[in-house]
Amino acid sequence: MSSPDQTPLAERLRARIGREGAISFRDWMAAALYDEREGYYRRAGRTRWGRSDGGDYRTSPERSPLFAATFARHFAALHHELGAPPRWAILEAGAGAGDFARVALETLERDHPSVFNATRYYIDETSDDARLRARDNLKAFANRVEFCEDDRQGDRGGLSFPVGVIFSNELLDAFPVHRVRMRGGRLRELCVDVDASGKFCWSEQDPTTPRLAEHFARLGVALAEGHVAEVNLAADEWIERAASVLRRGYVVTVDYGAEAAELYQSTQRREGTLRGFRAHEFVADVLAAPGEHDLTTTINWTQIRQAGEAAGLETLSLERQDEFLLRAGALHELERLTSRLSGEAERMRLRLGAREMILPGGMSGSFQVLVQKKREVRD
């Protein structure tokens, strides 16, 4: 049996580096996560979600149905703000196995029937395996759900609709990023090479694209000497595509992030924010075993807002997830969900899961919700 560093994906990456020399971490991370055959998010049969059964992480929809139920309530409010159109769309990017979509649609059908009847729900998910799970998870709503034919990180192949919401949860943090370091007053890029023993290693190179320096110039920040940082150029591109899909509506982005000054000038982030996870634990060497563990970085909210504004999106709010959920009616939804359960054990499980969503110090405090609005484009 091959070791993780001797898998076909690892060997293909070594062969590429042997031909081309050191490659950008952006290209290495794209292969590790999204390679069609062996990328972490593309491999069939790999358990990624959940505390048990070999999962590597849990997202909010898996922790508690309160998350999706509260967002469904928020979507209903946005539908009203848009003038209650008779037809509108909700597009969920990075939908995974459809846990969020199922609870959101159940909530709309039960509590907001007029919004439910107007809704066409689009699933945008890059993993074939996840889409299969989502189809099974959402079979009760098969006549209302459509699966996008996408190829990589939210490319919707020309899909557009006049009015609706584009929603994502923990999507942008998994986009491939470039890594840079300030060295001798010059911006250098941390690329991936292979050392004499055949292991993947970091190699400082001249930047592979001028967009890296342009990124920092646009933000008006400068890295301190020796500071390492990630640059998520794909996030700009995704926001631009999301804005182009909508004629009128909202882009709602949930993720863990920080402002540019905190990411790029804080002494606590001198080594950047790149981290790997496997079985709910940090991976010591993120370059070892490509395709075998999750990789993620903290997103730059300053960048996302700027990209949205350049694409015609107005920033309405950016707030902590727990505060957003409370403002959006989480306590009301918790009462509704609890009243429908017959057993005390079920009610206790729901309340315990809800604590992480809404109580200070819970996991929601580490996440933020950005709401941007696209005003109608007039010809």
Foldseek 3Di string as FASTA:
>chain_A
DDDLCPDPLNVVVQVVCVVVNFAFQLVVLCSLQAPCDQHQQAHAPQAAEDLDPFHWYHFLLVLALLQLLLVLLVQLVQCVVVVVDQAEEEEEAQCFLPSSVLSSLVNCVVPPVSVNNRYAYEYHHQYPNRVVNNCVSCVVPVVRYYYADDHDQQDRPPAADAEGEYEYAARLQQRRWWKWAQAPNDIWTWTWHADPVRAIDTDTHHDPDPVVVVVCVVLVDDADHQAMEIDRPVLLVNLLVVLVRYQWYKYKYKDFADAPCCQRPPPVQRVYFKWWTTSHDTDPDPRGSRSRIGIGHHDHPNSNCVSNVVNQKAWDDKDQQLVVSVVSPSVVVLVVVLVPDDDPVVNVSNVVSVCLRHPPPHPSRRMMMIMIIHHHDDD
